[in-house]
Structure formats: structure tokens, C-alpha cells
């Protein structure tokens, strides 16, 4: 939804920009504004990225997050808290579909039988068709 709104604003800006007269001083002001925005991104090391946030460029496709949390252990066995490391990874999960194809009558060689005539039949096989990304937790060694 946010991208649609931004794209609509860009299109409206282009239409207005084409229909009105523009002077070199206008482009000079726009260039200065873009230079300031890019300078802020460079100075902050990419932490403040206005253009990248709007366009979605600064969001990597493969995300790996690592975090830790403390959980309460079984009180009968332990008296102190144990820490467990958990890592999340994005994993591609393929979707498989069944397809059929017709194999016409043909001859095959089989050991012990020689040439065997195989009548026409249908074969079913699976192919990958699309998929989706899932976040999976990978638990690491416990800190003691």
C-alpha cells in the first residue's frame, strides 16, 4: 500500500512537471535536495536511507537474524537461568504438483526376458511449481 501511494505521487509529480515550465534553477534546487539526502546516508553509514526505504532497495532478500533470550529452566534440576541461542533463517519451501504424460507403445530390453513390448500408458511425476519463503529457527549451543 505504501509503495502504491509513493508511485502515485511520483506519477502525479511527473505529469505536473511535464505540463509546467521548468527552469534551470528548479533543477538546481532538486539536485541540492538529493545531494543533501545522499550525504546524510553516507555520513550515517546507511542507517538513515530515505530513498532506499521508499523504494525498498535497502531490504535484503535473505535475512538472517540472531538473538538470544533467557528462559526459566526446570526448577527441580537447576537453580540458575540458562541461556539459549536462537538463529532465524529464511528458507525456500518449494511447492510440488503431479503431472501426467502419455507414453506410447514401445519395446524395452529387460535382463532375463530380452525385448519386451510395453503397451501405451500414462506416467505420473512431480515437478516443482513455485514455492514460498519460511522463517525457521535454528537453536544453537546453550551458554552456561
N, C-alpha and C. Protein backbone atom coordinates (compact mmCIF):
# COMPACT_ATOMS: atom_id res chain seq x y z
N UNK A 1 0.83 -1.18 0.00
CA UNK A 1 0.00 0.00 0.00
C UNK A 1 0.88 1.25 0.00
N UNK A 2 1.94 1.22 0.77
CA UNK A 2 2.82 2.36 0.86
C UNK A 2 3.51 2.61 -0.48
N UNK A 3 3.92 1.52 -1.15
CA UNK A 3 4.59 1.66 -2.44
C UNK A 3 3.63 2.23 -3.49
N UNK A 4 2.38 1.82 -3.44
CA UNK A 4 1.39 2.31 -4.40
C UNK A 4 1.21 3.82 -4.23
N UNK A 5 1.14 4.27 -2.98
CA UNK A 5 0.97 5.69 -2.72
C UNK A 5 2.19 6.48 -3.20
N UNK A 6 3.38 5.96 -2.96
CA UNK A 6 4.60 6.65 -3.39
C UNK A 6 4.66 6.71 -4.92
N UNK A 7 4.32 5.59 -5.56
CA UNK A 7 4.33 5.56 -7.02
C UNK A 7 3.29 6.54 -7.59
N UNK A 8 2.14 6.65 -6.95
CA UNK A 8 1.12 7.59 -7.40
C UNK A 8 1.64 9.03 -7.29
N UNK A 9 2.31 9.35 -6.19
CA UNK A 9 2.88 10.68 -6.03
C UNK A 9 3.94 10.97 -7.09
N UNK A 10 4.75 9.98 -7.41
CA UNK A 10 5.79 10.16 -8.44
C UNK A 10 5.14 10.42 -9.79
N UNK A 11 4.10 9.66 -10.12
CA UNK A 11 3.41 9.84 -11.40
C UNK A 11 2.77 11.22 -11.47
N UNK A 12 2.10 11.65 -10.39
CA UNK A 12 1.50 12.99 -10.36
C UNK A 12 2.57 14.06 -10.51
N UNK A 13 3.69 13.87 -9.85
CA UNK A 13 4.79 14.83 -9.98
C UNK A 13 5.34 14.89 -11.39
N UNK A 14 5.44 13.75 -12.05
CA UNK A 14 5.92 13.75 -13.43
C UNK A 14 4.93 14.44 -14.36
N UNK A 15 3.65 14.19 -14.16
CA UNK A 15 2.63 14.83 -15.02
C UNK A 15 2.66 16.33 -14.82
N UNK A 16 2.72 16.78 -13.59
CA UNK A 16 2.76 18.23 -13.32
C UNK A 16 4.06 18.82 -13.84
N UNK A 17 5.15 18.10 -13.69
CA UNK A 17 6.44 18.59 -14.17
C UNK A 17 6.50 18.72 -15.67
N UNK A 18 5.86 17.84 -16.39
CA UNK A 18 5.86 17.90 -17.85
C UNK A 18 4.94 19.01 -18.34
N UNK A 19 3.83 19.23 -17.65
CA UNK A 19 2.85 20.21 -18.12
C UNK A 19 3.22 21.66 -17.77
N UNK A 20 4.12 21.88 -16.84
CA UNK A 20 4.50 23.25 -16.47
C UNK A 20 5.89 23.55 -17.00
N UNK A 21 6.21 24.84 -17.05
CA UNK A 21 7.55 25.23 -17.47
C UNK A 21 8.52 25.04 -16.31
N UNK A 22 9.69 24.59 -16.64
CA UNK A 22 10.70 24.45 -15.59
C UNK A 22 11.96 25.18 -16.04
N UNK A 23 12.65 25.71 -15.09
CA UNK A 23 13.86 26.47 -15.36
C UNK A 23 15.05 25.75 -14.77
N UNK A 24 16.23 26.14 -15.16
CA UNK A 24 17.45 25.51 -14.68
C UNK A 24 17.58 25.65 -13.16
N UNK A 25 17.10 26.77 -12.63
CA UNK A 25 17.21 26.98 -11.19
C UNK A 25 16.37 25.96 -10.41
N UNK A 26 15.23 25.51 -11.03
CA UNK A 26 14.41 24.49 -10.37
C UNK A 26 15.18 23.17 -10.26
N UNK A 27 15.85 22.80 -11.35
CA UNK A 27 16.63 21.56 -11.34
C UNK A 27 17.81 21.67 -10.38
N UNK A 28 18.34 22.87 -10.25
CA UNK A 28 19.44 23.09 -9.33
C UNK A 28 18.99 22.86 -7.89
N UNK A 29 17.79 23.31 -7.55
CA UNK A 29 17.25 23.10 -6.21
C UNK A 29 16.99 21.62 -5.94
N UNK A 30 16.45 20.92 -6.93
CA UNK A 30 16.19 19.48 -6.77
C UNK A 30 17.50 18.72 -6.60
N UNK A 31 18.51 19.11 -7.36
CA UNK A 31 19.82 18.46 -7.24
C UNK A 31 20.44 18.67 -5.86
N UNK A 32 20.28 19.87 -5.33
CA UNK A 32 20.80 20.15 -3.99
C UNK A 32 20.07 19.31 -2.94
N UNK A 33 18.76 19.18 -3.08
CA UNK A 33 17.99 18.38 -2.12
C UNK A 33 18.43 16.91 -2.17
N UNK A 34 18.59 16.36 -3.38
CA UNK A 34 19.04 14.96 -3.50
C UNK A 34 20.45 14.78 -2.97
N UNK A 35 21.31 15.78 -3.17
CA UNK A 35 22.68 15.71 -2.65
C UNK A 35 22.67 15.69 -1.13
N UNK A 36 21.82 16.49 -0.51
CA UNK A 36 21.72 16.51 0.96
C UNK A 36 21.22 15.16 1.48
N UNK A 37 20.20 14.60 0.81
CA UNK A 37 19.67 13.30 1.25
C UNK A 37 20.74 12.22 1.14
N UNK A 38 21.48 12.20 0.03
CA UNK A 38 22.53 11.20 -0.15
C UNK A 38 23.68 11.42 0.83
N UNK A 39 24.00 12.69 1.12
CA UNK A 39 25.06 13.00 2.08
C UNK A 39 24.73 12.51 3.47
N UNK A 40 23.46 12.63 3.87
CA UNK A 40 23.03 12.14 5.19
C UNK A 40 23.20 10.62 5.24
N UNK A 41 22.85 9.93 4.15
CA UNK A 41 23.00 8.47 4.12
C UNK A 41 24.47 8.07 4.25
N UNK A 42 25.36 8.78 3.56
CA UNK A 42 26.79 8.46 3.62
C UNK A 42 27.35 8.73 5.00
N UNK A 43 26.99 9.87 5.60
CA UNK A 43 27.51 10.22 6.92
C UNK A 43 27.04 9.28 8.02
N UNK A 44 25.82 8.74 7.90
CA UNK A 44 25.30 7.84 8.94
C UNK A 44 25.64 6.38 8.65
N UNK A 45 26.34 6.13 7.57
CA UNK A 45 26.72 4.74 7.26
C UNK A 45 25.56 3.89 6.77
N UNK A 46 24.56 4.52 6.17
CA UNK A 46 23.43 3.77 5.63
C UNK A 46 22.28 3.58 6.60
N UNK A 47 22.41 4.09 7.83
CA UNK A 47 21.34 3.92 8.81
C UNK A 47 20.12 4.79 8.49
N UNK A 48 20.37 5.97 7.93
CA UNK A 48 19.28 6.85 7.50
C UNK A 48 19.29 6.86 5.98
N UNK A 49 18.38 6.11 5.38
CA UNK A 49 18.33 5.99 3.92
C UNK A 49 16.90 6.25 3.46
N UNK A 50 16.59 7.49 3.15
CA UNK A 50 15.23 7.88 2.79
C UNK A 50 14.83 7.25 1.46
N UNK A 51 15.66 7.39 0.45
CA UNK A 51 15.32 6.88 -0.88
C UNK A 51 15.26 5.36 -0.86
N UNK A 52 16.19 4.71 -0.20
CA UNK A 52 16.19 3.25 -0.12
C UNK A 52 14.99 2.70 0.62
N UNK A 53 14.53 3.41 1.64
CA UNK A 53 13.35 2.97 2.38
C UNK A 53 12.09 3.11 1.54
N UNK A 54 11.99 4.19 0.80
CA UNK A 54 10.81 4.40 -0.04
C UNK A 54 10.75 3.37 -1.15
N UNK A 55 11.86 3.13 -1.82
CA UNK A 55 11.87 2.20 -2.96
C UNK A 55 11.99 0.75 -2.54
N UNK A 56 12.41 0.47 -1.31
CA UNK A 56 12.54 -0.91 -0.85
C UNK A 56 13.86 -1.53 -1.22
N UNK A 57 14.84 -0.73 -1.62
CA UNK A 57 16.13 -1.26 -2.04
C UNK A 57 16.95 -1.77 -0.86
N UNK A 58 16.86 -1.10 0.28
CA UNK A 58 17.72 -1.46 1.40
C UNK A 58 17.20 -2.64 2.21
N UNK A 59 16.17 -3.35 1.75
CA UNK A 59 15.70 -4.54 2.44
C UNK A 59 16.26 -5.77 1.74
N UNK A 60 17.20 -6.48 2.34
CA UNK A 60 17.78 -7.65 1.66
C UNK A 60 16.78 -8.78 1.54
N UNK A 61 16.93 -9.60 0.49
CA UNK A 61 16.03 -10.73 0.28
C UNK A 61 16.30 -11.84 1.27
N UNK A 62 17.55 -12.08 1.56
CA UNK A 62 17.92 -13.14 2.50
C UNK A 62 18.21 -12.49 3.85
N UNK A 63 17.37 -12.71 4.80
CA UNK A 63 17.56 -12.14 6.12
C UNK A 63 18.01 -13.21 7.08
N UNK A 64 19.02 -12.88 7.88
CA UNK A 64 19.45 -13.78 8.94
C UNK A 64 19.52 -12.94 10.20
N UNK A 65 18.69 -13.27 11.16
CA UNK A 65 18.69 -12.56 12.43
C UNK A 65 19.21 -13.49 13.50
N UNK A 66 19.96 -12.94 14.42
CA UNK A 66 20.48 -13.73 15.52
C UNK A 66 20.15 -13.00 16.81
N UNK A 67 19.55 -13.68 17.74
CA UNK A 67 19.21 -13.06 19.01
C UNK A 67 19.25 -14.12 20.10
N UNK A 68 19.28 -13.65 21.33
CA UNK A 68 19.32 -14.55 22.48
C UNK A 68 18.20 -14.18 23.43
N UNK A 69 17.76 -15.13 24.19
CA UNK A 69 16.78 -14.84 25.22
C UNK A 69 17.01 -15.81 26.39
N UNK A 70 16.57 -15.36 27.54
CA UNK A 70 16.73 -16.19 28.74
C UNK A 70 15.41 -16.89 29.01
N UNK A 71 15.47 -18.15 29.37
CA UNK A 71 14.24 -18.86 29.72
C UNK A 71 14.43 -19.54 31.06
N UNK A 72 13.36 -19.74 31.73
CA UNK A 72 13.39 -20.35 33.06
C UNK A 72 13.51 -21.87 32.90
N UNK A 73 14.55 -22.50 33.46
CA UNK A 73 14.70 -23.95 33.34
C UNK A 73 13.79 -24.69 34.33
N UNK A 74 13.84 -25.98 34.27
CA UNK A 74 13.10 -26.82 35.20
C UNK A 74 13.68 -26.58 36.60
N UNK A 75 12.87 -26.13 37.53
CA UNK A 75 13.37 -25.76 38.86
C UNK A 75 13.85 -26.96 39.66
N UNK A 76 13.41 -28.14 39.30
CA UNK A 76 13.85 -29.32 40.05
C UNK A 76 15.32 -29.63 39.77
N UNK A 77 15.79 -29.33 38.56
CA UNK A 77 17.16 -29.69 38.19
C UNK A 77 18.15 -28.55 38.38
N UNK A 78 17.70 -27.31 38.07
CA UNK A 78 18.64 -26.19 38.09
C UNK A 78 18.08 -25.06 38.94
N UNK A 79 19.00 -24.24 39.47
CA UNK A 79 18.55 -23.10 40.24
C UNK A 79 18.83 -21.79 39.51
N UNK A 80 19.72 -21.78 38.50
CA UNK A 80 20.01 -20.54 37.77
C UNK A 80 19.41 -20.60 36.37
N UNK A 81 19.30 -19.44 35.75
CA UNK A 81 18.72 -19.37 34.41
C UNK A 81 19.73 -19.87 33.37
N UNK A 82 19.21 -20.49 32.30
CA UNK A 82 20.07 -20.93 31.19
C UNK A 82 19.75 -20.06 29.99
N UNK A 83 20.77 -19.80 29.21
CA UNK A 83 20.58 -19.00 28.00
C UNK A 83 20.71 -19.92 26.80
N UNK A 84 19.86 -19.68 25.84
CA UNK A 84 19.85 -20.49 24.62
C UNK A 84 19.90 -19.56 23.42
N UNK A 85 20.79 -19.85 22.48
CA UNK A 85 20.91 -19.02 21.28
C UNK A 85 19.95 -19.52 20.22
N UNK A 86 19.25 -18.60 19.60
CA UNK A 86 18.30 -18.93 18.54
C UNK A 86 18.64 -18.08 17.32
N UNK A 87 18.74 -18.72 16.15
CA UNK A 87 19.01 -18.01 14.91
C UNK A 87 17.88 -18.25 13.94
N UNK A 88 17.42 -17.22 13.27
CA UNK A 88 16.34 -17.36 12.28
C UNK A 88 16.93 -17.23 10.88
N UNK A 89 16.50 -18.12 9.99
CA UNK A 89 16.92 -18.05 8.60
C UNK A 89 15.69 -18.16 7.71
N UNK A 90 15.75 -17.49 6.56
CA UNK A 90 14.70 -17.64 5.57
C UNK A 90 15.06 -18.84 4.70
N UNK A 91 14.11 -19.75 4.56
CA UNK A 91 14.32 -20.98 3.80
C UNK A 91 13.26 -21.06 2.70
N UNK A 92 13.68 -21.42 1.48
CA UNK A 92 12.76 -21.57 0.37
C UNK A 92 12.09 -22.94 0.46
N UNK A 93 10.76 -22.96 0.48
CA UNK A 93 10.00 -24.20 0.54
C UNK A 93 9.29 -24.36 -0.81
N UNK A 94 9.71 -25.33 -1.63
CA UNK A 94 9.09 -25.47 -2.95
C UNK A 94 7.72 -26.13 -2.89
N UNK A 95 6.87 -25.82 -3.85
CA UNK A 95 5.57 -26.47 -3.99
C UNK A 95 5.68 -27.46 -5.15
N UNK A 96 5.26 -28.69 -4.93
CA UNK A 96 5.31 -29.72 -5.96
C UNK A 96 3.90 -30.05 -6.43
N UNK A 97 3.77 -30.30 -7.73
CA UNK A 97 2.48 -30.70 -8.31
C UNK A 97 2.71 -31.97 -9.13
N UNK A 98 1.66 -32.79 -9.22
CA UNK A 98 1.71 -34.01 -10.01
C UNK A 98 1.29 -33.69 -11.44
N UNK A 99 2.01 -34.28 -12.39
CA UNK A 99 1.64 -34.15 -13.80
C UNK A 99 1.65 -35.54 -14.42
N UNK A 100 0.87 -35.69 -15.48
CA UNK A 100 0.80 -36.96 -16.20
C UNK A 100 1.24 -36.74 -17.63
N UNK A 101 1.86 -37.77 -18.20
CA UNK A 101 2.18 -37.73 -19.62
C UNK A 101 1.93 -39.12 -20.21
N UNK A 102 1.57 -39.14 -21.45
CA UNK A 102 1.28 -40.39 -22.14
C UNK A 102 2.55 -40.92 -22.79
N UNK A 103 2.85 -42.21 -22.53
CA UNK A 103 3.98 -42.89 -23.15
C UNK A 103 3.40 -43.91 -24.13
N UNK A 104 3.64 -43.76 -25.44
CA UNK A 104 3.06 -44.69 -26.41
C UNK A 104 3.71 -46.07 -26.33
N UNK A 105 3.12 -47.02 -27.02
CA UNK A 105 3.62 -48.40 -27.05
C UNK A 105 5.06 -48.40 -27.57
N UNK A 106 5.93 -49.17 -26.87
CA UNK A 106 7.34 -49.23 -27.25
C UNK A 106 7.94 -50.54 -26.77
N UNK A 107 9.17 -50.80 -27.21
CA UNK A 107 9.88 -52.02 -26.81
C UNK A 107 11.01 -51.64 -25.86
N UNK A 108 11.18 -52.47 -24.81
CA UNK A 108 12.26 -52.27 -23.84
C UNK A 108 13.04 -53.57 -23.70
N UNK A 109 14.33 -53.45 -23.37
CA UNK A 109 15.12 -54.63 -23.10
C UNK A 109 15.16 -54.85 -21.60
N UNK A 110 14.82 -56.07 -21.15
CA UNK A 110 14.87 -56.41 -19.73
C UNK A 110 15.74 -57.64 -19.58
N UNK A 111 16.70 -57.59 -18.65
CA UNK A 111 17.59 -58.75 -18.46
C UNK A 111 16.78 -60.00 -18.09
N UNK A 112 17.08 -61.10 -18.73
CA UNK A 112 16.39 -62.36 -18.47
C UNK A 112 15.17 -62.57 -19.35
N UNK A 113 14.62 -61.50 -19.92
CA UNK A 113 13.44 -61.61 -20.77
C UNK A 113 13.73 -61.19 -22.21
N UNK A 114 14.74 -60.35 -22.42
CA UNK A 114 15.04 -59.85 -23.76
C UNK A 114 14.15 -58.66 -24.10
N UNK A 115 13.73 -58.56 -25.37
CA UNK A 115 12.86 -57.47 -25.81
C UNK A 115 11.45 -57.70 -25.30
N UNK A 116 10.89 -56.69 -24.64
CA UNK A 116 9.53 -56.78 -24.09
C UNK A 116 8.73 -55.62 -24.68
N UNK A 117 7.54 -55.89 -25.14
CA UNK A 117 6.66 -54.85 -25.67
C UNK A 117 5.86 -54.27 -24.49
N UNK A 118 5.94 -52.96 -24.34
CA UNK A 118 5.20 -52.27 -23.27
C UNK A 118 4.08 -51.48 -23.94
N UNK A 119 2.85 -51.75 -23.52
CA UNK A 119 1.69 -51.06 -24.10
C UNK A 119 1.70 -49.59 -23.67
N UNK A 120 0.98 -48.78 -24.41
CA UNK A 120 0.87 -47.36 -24.09
C UNK A 120 0.27 -47.15 -22.70
N UNK A 121 0.78 -46.20 -21.95
CA UNK A 121 0.31 -45.96 -20.60
C UNK A 121 0.63 -44.52 -20.19
N UNK A 122 0.06 -44.11 -19.07
CA UNK A 122 0.33 -42.78 -18.51
C UNK A 122 1.32 -42.91 -17.37
N UNK A 123 2.25 -41.95 -17.29
CA UNK A 123 3.19 -41.89 -16.17
C UNK A 123 2.89 -40.63 -15.38
N UNK A 124 2.94 -40.76 -14.06
CA UNK A 124 2.78 -39.60 -13.19
C UNK A 124 4.13 -39.24 -12.60
N UNK A 125 4.41 -37.94 -12.56
CA UNK A 125 5.67 -37.47 -11.99
C UNK A 125 5.42 -36.11 -11.34
N UNK A 126 6.33 -35.75 -10.41
CA UNK A 126 6.20 -34.49 -9.69
C UNK A 126 7.17 -33.47 -10.26
N UNK A 127 6.71 -32.22 -10.34
CA UNK A 127 7.59 -31.13 -10.72
C UNK A 127 7.41 -29.99 -9.71
N UNK A 128 8.45 -29.18 -9.60
CA UNK A 128 8.38 -28.03 -8.69
C UNK A 128 7.68 -26.88 -9.42
N UNK A 129 6.67 -26.33 -8.79
CA UNK A 129 5.94 -25.21 -9.38
C UNK A 129 5.71 -24.15 -8.31
N UNK A 130 6.62 -23.19 -8.26
CA UNK A 130 6.50 -22.12 -7.28
C UNK A 130 6.97 -22.55 -5.90
N UNK A 131 6.64 -21.75 -4.92
CA UNK A 131 7.02 -22.02 -3.54
C UNK A 131 6.84 -20.77 -2.70
N UNK A 132 7.36 -20.81 -1.49
CA UNK A 132 7.27 -19.66 -0.60
C UNK A 132 8.45 -19.67 0.36
N UNK A 133 8.68 -18.52 1.00
CA UNK A 133 9.75 -18.39 1.99
C UNK A 133 9.17 -18.62 3.37
N UNK A 134 9.94 -19.30 4.22
CA UNK A 134 9.55 -19.53 5.62
C UNK A 134 10.70 -19.12 6.52
N UNK A 135 10.34 -18.65 7.71
CA UNK A 135 11.36 -18.36 8.71
C UNK A 135 11.49 -19.59 9.60
N UNK A 136 12.70 -20.11 9.74
CA UNK A 136 12.94 -21.28 10.58
C UNK A 136 13.93 -20.91 11.66
N UNK A 137 13.66 -21.39 12.88
CA UNK A 137 14.56 -21.13 13.99
C UNK A 137 15.57 -22.26 14.08
N UNK A 138 16.84 -21.88 14.23
CA UNK A 138 17.92 -22.85 14.41
C UNK A 138 18.49 -22.61 15.78
N UNK A 139 18.35 -23.57 16.64
CA UNK A 139 18.82 -23.41 18.01
C UNK A 139 20.29 -23.80 18.09
N UNK A 140 21.06 -22.95 18.75
CA UNK A 140 22.49 -23.18 18.87
C UNK A 140 22.86 -23.76 20.23
N UNK A 141 24.15 -23.83 20.52
CA UNK A 141 24.59 -24.36 21.81
C UNK A 141 24.17 -23.44 22.95
N UNK A 142 23.93 -24.04 24.07
CA UNK A 142 23.50 -23.26 25.23
C UNK A 142 24.71 -22.64 25.92
N UNK A 143 24.54 -21.40 26.33
CA UNK A 143 25.60 -20.72 27.10
C UNK A 143 25.45 -21.09 28.56
N UNK A 144 26.52 -21.36 29.20
CA UNK A 144 26.44 -21.74 30.62
C UNK A 144 27.16 -20.75 31.47
